[in-house]
Protein backbone atom coordinates (compact mmCIF):
# COMPACT_ATOMS: atom_id res chain seq x y z
CA MET A 1 20.91 -163.34 66.47
CA SER A 2 18.29 -164.92 64.18
CA VAL A 3 16.20 -161.74 64.25
CA ARG A 4 19.20 -159.70 63.10
CA PHE A 5 19.93 -162.21 60.33
CA VAL A 6 16.35 -162.13 59.06
CA ALA A 7 16.36 -158.31 59.10
CA ALA A 8 19.62 -158.16 57.15
CA LEU A 9 18.29 -160.70 54.63
CA LEU A 10 15.09 -158.71 54.08
CA ALA A 11 17.09 -155.50 53.63
CA ALA A 12 19.28 -157.19 51.00
CA LEU A 13 16.24 -158.55 49.15
CA ALA A 14 14.65 -155.13 49.17
CA PHE A 15 17.79 -153.64 47.67
CA LEU A 16 18.17 -156.19 44.87
CA PRO A 17 15.49 -154.74 42.51
CA ALA A 18 17.34 -151.45 42.52
CA LEU A 19 20.60 -153.00 41.35
CA PRO A 20 19.86 -153.04 37.59
CA ALA A 21 19.20 -149.30 37.70
CA GLN A 22 22.77 -148.80 38.88
CA ALA A 23 24.22 -150.56 35.81
CA ASP A 24 26.22 -148.50 33.34
CA THR A 25 24.20 -146.81 30.63
CA PRO A 26 25.10 -148.15 27.16
CA GLU A 27 27.48 -145.95 25.25
CA LEU A 28 26.00 -143.41 22.85
CA PRO A 29 26.97 -145.32 19.67
CA ASP A 30 25.26 -148.45 21.02
CA ARG A 31 22.10 -146.53 21.89
CA ILE A 32 21.95 -144.88 18.46
CA ALA A 33 22.62 -148.16 16.63
CA THR A 34 19.84 -149.87 18.60
CA ALA A 35 17.41 -147.07 17.76
CA TRP A 36 18.38 -147.16 14.05
CA ARG A 37 17.40 -150.81 13.79
CA ILE A 38 13.84 -149.62 14.43
CA ASP A 39 13.84 -146.17 12.83
CA HIS A 40 16.51 -144.55 10.62
CA VAL A 41 15.78 -141.19 12.28
CA ALA A 42 16.77 -141.52 15.94
CA VAL A 43 16.05 -138.73 18.42
CA ASP A 44 17.72 -138.74 21.81
CA ASP A 45 15.22 -139.05 24.66
CA ARG A 46 16.40 -135.70 26.05
CA LEU A 47 15.34 -133.96 22.82
CA ARG A 48 12.02 -135.62 22.03
CA ALA A 49 9.99 -132.85 23.60
CA THR A 50 11.93 -130.09 21.86
CA VAL A 51 12.21 -131.29 18.24
CA PRO A 52 9.01 -130.46 16.30
CA ALA A 53 7.38 -133.24 14.32
CA ALA A 54 7.57 -131.07 11.19
CA GLU A 55 11.39 -131.09 11.42
CA LEU A 56 11.47 -134.87 11.57
CA GLU A 57 9.06 -135.17 8.65
CA ARG A 58 11.28 -132.92 6.51
CA ILE A 59 14.24 -135.19 7.25
CA ARG A 60 12.24 -138.32 6.43
CA SER A 61 11.03 -136.78 3.18
CA ALA A 62 14.62 -136.01 2.14
CA ILE A 63 15.63 -139.58 2.97
CA ARG A 64 12.87 -140.94 0.74
CA GLY A 65 14.22 -138.88 -2.16
CA VAL A 66 17.62 -140.61 -2.45
CA ASP A 67 18.69 -144.05 -3.65
CA PHE A 68 20.87 -145.05 -0.70
CA PRO A 69 20.20 -145.71 2.99
CA VAL A 70 20.39 -142.69 5.30
CA TYR A 71 20.79 -142.89 9.06
CA VAL A 72 20.21 -139.71 11.10
CA ALA A 73 20.68 -139.21 14.84
CA LEU A 74 19.75 -136.04 16.75
CA VAL A 75 21.66 -135.78 20.04
CA PRO A 76 22.55 -133.08 22.58
CA GLN A 77 26.08 -131.85 23.17
CA THR A 78 27.72 -133.80 26.01
CA PRO A 79 31.31 -134.37 27.14
CA TYR A 80 31.27 -137.53 25.02
CA THR A 81 30.15 -135.80 21.81
CA ARG A 82 32.50 -132.89 22.46
CA LYS A 83 35.40 -135.34 22.56
CA SER A 84 34.37 -138.02 20.07
CA SER A 85 31.70 -136.58 17.77
CA TYR A 86 33.94 -136.80 14.69
CA ASP A 87 34.41 -140.52 15.28
CA LEU A 88 30.69 -141.24 15.66
CA PRO A 89 29.92 -141.98 11.96
CA THR A 90 32.78 -144.49 11.87
CA LEU A 91 31.72 -146.12 15.14
CA LEU A 92 28.09 -146.28 14.03
CA HIS A 93 28.96 -147.71 10.62
CA ALA A 94 30.95 -150.45 12.38
CA ARG A 95 27.86 -151.34 14.40
CA ILE A 96 25.31 -151.17 11.57
CA GLY A 97 27.59 -152.64 8.90
CA GLU A 98 25.61 -151.28 5.96
CA PRO A 99 26.61 -148.75 3.26
CA GLY A 100 24.85 -145.42 3.27
CA LEU A 101 24.96 -141.92 4.72
CA TYR A 102 25.51 -141.64 8.46
CA VAL A 103 24.59 -138.26 9.97
CA VAL A 104 24.89 -137.21 13.61
CA SER A 105 23.38 -133.80 14.32
CA VAL A 106 24.44 -132.27 17.64
CA VAL A 107 22.70 -129.35 19.36
CA ASN A 108 24.60 -126.99 21.63
CA ASP A 109 22.97 -123.85 23.05
CA ASN A 110 20.18 -124.03 20.43
CA TYR A 111 22.69 -124.28 17.56
CA TRP A 112 22.85 -127.43 15.45
CA SER A 113 25.86 -128.86 13.61
CA ASP A 114 26.21 -132.21 11.93
CA ILE A 115 28.96 -134.71 11.30
CA ALA A 116 28.41 -136.98 8.32
CA GLN A 117 30.15 -139.72 6.40
CA LEU A 118 29.09 -141.47 3.19
CA TYR A 119 29.96 -145.17 2.91
CA ARG A 120 29.60 -146.78 -0.50
CA VAL A 121 29.18 -150.37 -1.59
CA ALA A 122 32.61 -151.95 -2.07
CA GLY A 123 34.00 -151.06 -5.48
CA LEU A 124 31.56 -148.22 -6.13
CA LYS A 125 33.40 -144.96 -6.70
CA GLY A 126 32.34 -141.33 -6.67
CA ARG A 127 33.12 -137.94 -5.20
CA GLU A 128 33.96 -137.52 -1.55
CA LEU A 129 31.17 -135.99 0.51
CA SER A 130 33.67 -133.55 2.04
CA SER A 131 34.59 -132.32 -1.45
CA VAL A 132 30.96 -131.60 -2.34
CA ARG A 133 30.41 -129.81 0.96
CA ALA A 134 33.52 -127.70 0.47
CA ASP A 135 32.35 -126.65 -3.01
CA ASP A 136 28.83 -125.79 -1.86
CA LYS A 137 28.87 -121.99 -1.66
CA ARG A 138 25.52 -121.83 0.15
CA ASP A 139 26.44 -124.34 2.85
CA VAL A 140 27.60 -121.58 5.18
CA ASP A 141 24.29 -119.71 4.71
CA VAL A 142 22.08 -122.56 5.94
CA VAL A 143 20.40 -121.71 9.25
CA ASP A 144 21.50 -123.70 12.28
CA ASP A 145 18.77 -122.89 14.80
CA ARG A 146 16.90 -126.10 13.96
CA PRO A 147 18.08 -129.54 12.75
CA ALA A 148 16.24 -130.16 9.47
CA PRO A 149 17.87 -127.51 7.22
CA GLN A 150 21.43 -128.75 7.74
CA VAL A 151 20.51 -132.44 7.70
CA VAL A 152 18.47 -132.04 4.50
CA ARG A 153 21.34 -130.14 2.86
CA THR A 154 23.78 -132.87 3.90
CA ILE A 155 21.53 -135.50 2.30
CA GLN A 156 21.42 -133.44 -0.92
CA GLN A 157 25.21 -133.10 -0.89
CA ALA A 158 25.59 -136.85 -0.35
CA ALA A 159 23.31 -137.52 -3.33
CA THR A 160 25.57 -135.35 -5.50
CA ALA A 161 28.63 -137.21 -4.24
CA TYR A 162 26.91 -140.56 -4.73
CA ASP A 163 25.70 -140.35 -8.33
CA GLY A 164 26.81 -136.95 -9.65
CA ARG A 165 23.36 -135.36 -9.74
CA PRO A 166 23.34 -131.53 -9.67
CA LEU A 167 23.19 -129.99 -6.23
CA PRO A 168 19.75 -128.36 -5.86
CA PRO A 169 19.35 -124.81 -4.54
CA VAL A 170 18.82 -124.38 -0.83
CA ALA A 171 15.19 -123.83 0.16
CA ALA A 172 14.57 -120.13 0.77
CA GLY A 173 13.32 -120.81 4.29
CA ASP A 174 16.57 -122.60 5.16
CA LEU A 175 18.80 -119.62 4.37
CA GLU A 176 19.99 -116.90 6.69
CA PRO A 177 18.30 -113.53 5.99
CA ASP A 178 19.98 -111.54 3.22
CA HIS A 179 21.42 -108.34 4.67
CA GLY A 180 21.83 -106.78 1.27
CA HIS A 181 25.59 -106.91 0.85
CA GLY A 182 26.42 -106.55 -2.84
CA GLY A 183 29.36 -107.85 -4.80
CA ARG A 184 31.71 -110.65 -3.87
CA SER A 185 32.46 -111.27 -0.23
CA VAL A 186 35.92 -111.63 1.26
CA THR A 187 35.37 -115.39 1.33
CA ASP A 188 34.42 -115.38 -2.35
CA ASP A 189 37.58 -113.44 -3.22
CA GLU A 190 39.68 -115.86 -1.18
CA ASP A 191 38.02 -118.83 -2.89
CA LEU A 192 38.61 -117.24 -6.32
CA SER A 193 42.28 -116.70 -5.49
CA ALA A 194 42.55 -120.27 -4.26
CA TYR A 195 41.02 -121.65 -7.44
CA ILE A 196 43.34 -119.53 -9.61
CA GLY A 197 46.32 -120.74 -7.62
CA MET A 198 45.19 -124.36 -7.83
CA GLY A 199 44.64 -124.01 -11.58
CA ALA A 200 48.10 -122.56 -12.12
CA GLY A 201 49.58 -125.28 -9.95
CA ALA A 202 47.74 -127.95 -11.94
CA VAL A 203 49.09 -126.57 -15.24
CA LEU A 204 52.64 -126.49 -13.89
CA GLY A 205 52.22 -129.97 -12.43
CA PHE A 206 50.95 -131.30 -15.76
CA ALA A 207 53.88 -129.74 -17.62
CA LEU A 208 56.36 -131.21 -15.14
CA THR A 209 54.73 -134.64 -15.40
CA LEU A 210 54.87 -134.44 -19.21
CA VAL A 211 58.58 -133.56 -19.18
CA ILE A 212 59.40 -136.37 -16.76
CA GLY A 213 57.34 -138.81 -18.79
CA LEU A 214 59.12 -137.89 -22.03
CA ARG A 215 62.50 -138.23 -20.36
CA ARG A 216 61.63 -141.67 -19.05
CA ARG A 217 60.48 -142.85 -22.45
CA THR A 218 63.95 -142.21 -23.84
CA ARG A 219 65.44 -144.73 -21.41
CA PRO A 220 65.66 -148.43 -22.37
CA ALA A 221 62.85 -150.41 -20.90
CA LYS A 222 63.68 -152.95 -18.21
CA ARG A 223 61.62 -155.98 -17.43
CA THR A 224 61.08 -156.30 -13.75
CA LYS A 225 58.77 -158.34 -11.63
CA PRO A 226 55.73 -156.40 -10.46
CA THR A 227 56.03 -155.15 -6.92
CA LYS A 228 53.93 -152.99 -4.64
CA ARG A 229 56.94 -151.32 -3.10
CA PRO A 230 57.74 -147.81 -4.41
CA ARG A 231 60.89 -147.31 -6.45
CA PRO A 232 63.72 -145.54 -4.61
CA ASP A 233 63.63 -142.60 -7.02
CA GLU A 234 59.89 -142.03 -6.71
CA PRO A 235 58.58 -139.40 -4.27
CA PRO A 236 57.43 -140.87 -0.91
CA VAL A 237 54.18 -138.88 -1.06
CA GLU A 238 52.95 -136.68 -3.87
CA VAL A 239 52.91 -133.11 -2.56
CA TRP A 240 50.00 -132.11 -4.79
CA GLU A 241 47.81 -134.80 -3.22
CA VAL A 242 48.43 -133.38 0.24
CA GLN A 243 47.89 -129.86 -1.17
CA LEU A 244 44.41 -130.78 -2.32
CA LYS A 245 43.55 -132.33 1.04
CA ALA A 246 44.89 -129.29 2.88
CA ASP A 247 42.95 -126.90 0.61
CA ASP A 248 39.79 -128.92 1.20
CA LYS A 249 40.23 -128.84 4.98
CA ILE A 250 41.10 -125.13 5.01
CA LYS A 251 37.86 -124.35 3.17
CA GLN A 252 35.87 -126.52 5.56
CA ALA A 253 37.46 -124.78 8.54
CA GLU A 254 36.68 -121.37 7.05
CA ARG A 255 33.04 -122.31 6.60
CA ALA A 256 32.80 -123.73 10.11
CA LEU A 257 34.25 -120.51 11.52
CA ALA A 258 31.93 -118.38 9.41
CA ARG A 259 29.01 -120.34 10.80
CA LEU A 260 30.30 -119.87 14.35
CA ASP A 261 30.87 -116.13 13.83
CA LYS A 262 27.22 -115.68 12.83
CA ARG A 263 26.01 -116.94 16.19
CA SER A 264 24.86 -114.35 18.70
CA ASN A 265 25.42 -114.55 22.44
CA LYS A 266 28.37 -116.90 22.17
CA SER A 267 29.45 -118.47 25.43
CA ARG A 268 32.94 -117.98 26.83
CA GLN A 269 33.78 -121.54 25.80
CA GLN A 270 32.66 -120.87 22.23
CA LEU A 271 34.73 -117.69 22.11
CA ASP A 272 37.78 -119.62 23.29
CA GLN A 273 37.14 -122.32 20.69
CA ARG A 274 36.78 -119.67 17.99
CA ASP A 275 40.09 -118.06 18.96
CA ASP A 276 41.82 -121.43 18.99
CA ALA A 277 40.35 -122.30 15.59
CA TYR A 278 41.54 -119.02 14.05
CA ARG A 279 45.00 -119.54 15.56
CA ARG A 280 45.34 -122.92 13.89
CA LEU A 281 43.71 -121.82 10.64
CA ASP A 282 46.04 -118.82 10.32
CA ALA A 283 49.04 -121.11 10.76
CA ALA A 284 47.66 -123.52 8.16
CA ARG A 285 47.20 -120.66 5.68
CA THR A 286 50.75 -119.45 6.34
CA LEU A 287 52.21 -122.86 5.55
CA ARG A 288 50.01 -123.26 2.47
CA GLU A 289 50.93 -119.84 1.05
CA GLU A 290 54.63 -119.72 1.90
CA GLN A 291 55.70 -123.27 1.04
CA PRO A 292 53.20 -124.87 -1.33
CA ASP A 293 55.78 -127.30 -2.73
CA ASP A 294 57.16 -128.54 0.60
CA LEU A 295 55.75 -131.85 1.80
CA LEU A 296 56.28 -131.17 5.51
CA ALA A 297 54.60 -127.77 5.22
CA MET A 298 51.60 -129.20 3.36
CA VAL A 299 51.13 -131.97 5.92
CA GLY A 300 51.36 -129.35 8.65
CA ALA A 301 48.71 -127.26 6.90
CA LEU A 302 46.45 -130.31 6.62
CA VAL A 303 46.82 -131.16 10.33
CA LEU A 304 46.22 -127.59 11.51
CA ALA A 305 43.21 -127.05 9.24
CA ARG A 306 41.73 -130.33 10.44
CA GLN A 307 42.15 -129.19 14.05
CA ALA A 308 40.73 -125.74 13.26
CA GLU A 309 37.57 -127.26 11.82
CA ARG A 310 37.06 -129.41 14.91
CA ALA A 311 37.54 -126.44 17.23
CA ALA A 312 35.11 -124.29 15.23
CA ASN A 313 32.51 -127.05 15.42
CA GLY A 314 32.86 -127.31 19.20
CA ALA A 315 34.68 -130.64 19.17
CA ALA A 316 37.82 -131.42 21.13
CA VAL A 317 41.03 -130.86 19.17
CA GLN A 318 42.84 -134.16 18.61
CA SER A 319 46.57 -134.72 18.27
CA PRO A 320 47.70 -136.12 14.93
CA CYS A 321 49.20 -139.57 14.56
CA PHE A 322 52.89 -139.04 15.36
CA PHE A 323 54.10 -141.59 12.84
CA ASP A 324 52.03 -140.37 9.88
CA PRO A 325 49.99 -137.18 10.48
CA THR A 326 48.04 -137.79 7.26
CA HIS A 327 46.47 -140.82 8.93
CA ARG A 328 43.51 -140.67 11.28
CA PRO A 329 44.07 -138.66 14.51
CA GLY A 330 46.30 -140.12 17.20
CA THR A 331 43.65 -141.37 19.61
CA THR A 332 45.85 -144.09 21.14
CA ALA A 333 48.92 -143.45 23.30
CA VAL A 334 51.70 -146.00 22.66
CA ASP A 335 55.13 -146.52 24.21
CA TRP A 336 57.72 -146.14 21.52
CA SER A 337 61.49 -145.54 21.43
CA ASP A 338 63.21 -145.17 24.82
CA GLU A 339 59.89 -145.38 26.63
CA VAL A 340 58.60 -142.25 24.86
CA GLU A 341 54.80 -142.16 24.71
CA VAL A 342 53.34 -140.77 21.50
CA PRO A 343 49.80 -140.54 20.07
CA ALA A 344 49.12 -142.93 17.21
CA CYS A 345 46.24 -143.81 14.93
CA PRO A 346 44.77 -147.31 15.34
CA GLN A 347 46.73 -148.61 12.34
CA CYS A 348 50.13 -147.42 13.59
CA ALA A 349 49.31 -148.34 17.20
CA SER A 350 48.72 -151.92 16.07
CA VAL A 351 52.17 -152.00 14.45
CA VAL A 352 53.87 -150.65 17.59
CA ARG A 353 52.14 -153.23 19.77
CA ARG A 354 53.72 -155.94 17.62
CA GLY A 355 57.13 -154.56 18.54
CA ARG A 356 57.77 -152.80 15.24
CA THR A 357 58.09 -149.18 14.14
CA PRO A 358 55.53 -148.00 11.55
CA ARG A 359 56.90 -146.93 8.19
CA GLY A 360 55.55 -143.47 8.90
CA LEU A 361 55.58 -140.38 6.74
CA GLN A 362 58.54 -140.73 4.36
CA VAL A 363 60.52 -137.71 3.17
CA TRP A 364 63.67 -137.16 1.13
CA SER A 365 66.99 -136.90 2.93
CA THR A 366 70.24 -135.92 1.21
CA SER A 367 73.66 -137.26 2.14
CA GLY A 368 77.11 -137.69 0.67
CA LEU A 369 79.96 -135.25 0.20
CA PHE A 370 78.03 -132.93 -2.12
CA GLY A 371 74.53 -133.87 -1.00
CA HIS A 372 73.81 -135.74 -4.23
CA GLU A 373 72.70 -138.97 -2.59
CA ARG A 374 69.01 -139.09 -1.73
CA SER A 375 67.10 -141.63 0.29
CA GLN A 376 63.67 -141.93 1.85
CA VAL A 377 63.57 -141.69 5.64
CA PRO A 378 60.89 -141.23 8.29
CA TYR A 379 60.34 -137.52 8.88
CA TRP A 380 61.20 -137.77 12.59
CA THR A 381 64.82 -138.68 11.74
CA LEU A 382 65.41 -135.17 10.33
CA ASP A 383 67.02 -132.43 12.42
CA PRO A 384 64.26 -130.87 14.58
CA GLU A 385 66.11 -127.55 14.57
CA ASP A 386 65.46 -127.23 10.85
CA ASN A 387 61.67 -127.51 10.89
CA PRO A 388 58.92 -126.84 13.45
CA MET A 389 56.85 -129.73 12.08
CA VAL A 390 59.66 -132.17 12.89
CA ALA A 391 60.34 -130.55 16.27
CA THR A 392 56.72 -130.92 17.41
CA GLY A 393 55.80 -134.09 15.55
CA PHE A 394 53.21 -131.94 13.72
CA GLY A 395 51.74 -131.13 17.12
CA ALA A 396 51.81 -134.70 18.44
CA LEU A 397 54.65 -134.00 20.89
CA SER A 398 53.74 -130.42 21.84
CA ASP A 399 50.71 -128.32 21.00
CA ASP A 400 52.61 -125.14 20.11
CA LEU A 401 52.97 -125.66 16.37
CA PRO A 402 50.84 -122.58 15.50
CA GLU A 403 53.01 -120.37 17.70
CA ARG A 404 56.21 -121.76 16.21
CA ILE A 405 54.94 -121.05 12.71
CA ALA A 406 53.81 -117.54 13.61
CA GLY A 407 56.95 -116.70 15.53
CA ARG A 408 59.68 -117.91 13.23
CA GLU A 409 60.39 -118.34 9.56
CA VAL A 410 59.12 -121.65 8.22
CA ARG A 411 61.99 -123.57 6.62
């Protein structure tokens, strides 16, 4: 018996040194954050042998040319990045806790794409990085067969967003070969039409605002205590604000798809993602063109364009927050009314966990004998038969919103 005990004890002791190797590998954000505390350009161990030193030096040189911190991570495509790549800048900023530009460049089948977010010092204002990227006509022409060109361009775009400096031209070696097409492209014509439409809308919006302002000035002034709550007669959400966000996302999705279309030898998965992205983008364009003044339609266009961009970039499509689709995606499932489970953003999920219903996206509802009484209500209280966005929760309840828009008249 003692011999067996000693043998078992020796076997256990021999096994103990191997135990730490079986521990869970730290999550990707933790590994990147740890590497960034040593070097602001972090390269995943699986890529060290494949990324030339000249590429890294170009990135470091671009970092030295700006007045804010820049953090860059080069990582391979994995199930984690495919699902959560768009959240990585936020997760990494939470771990580092410093303002600056956070860039995660992901390689998939020798093609690179980056996700970036610019975080400013509290109180410091400027342009959104996404706005600068959407306005950059040469962004879609930057090569994606190596990491430095796109990362360097992102740093240049962030510098323009940060302090308003002019966006420099793209280095000739970073551009796709010119195939000699003359004149404006289809994308240029679409952009021109979009700008004309936005300009006309801005003029009409200004005129309407002026008329409303003059009418209000004729009313006797009332002294009221300041309050943060909106007045009952004010719009719940300004449609033009959502229009601008939707237009921005549509342009980003178009550029992501143009970049994907240029790739040769696309895998079956990439072809499926491209088809899904076009399906969502076409629905977003339909909503934007047919009902530019309808709040529900504009929110739907924003959600679909956001999903189209993710699909074109190879990321998993995320459901919107059911309560307010203009919030961050619905990454948390919560039990709501009558044990119904819906996706919610972290903000709304926190409210539900406290036993309350989030205020949600507010829209106008008419009532009364002649429909003259208006009140603000959560969008989900409207009749789902009247609007596909309400029926699907903007895609939070069922992922067939593009088909509903394509197959029926949008109301």
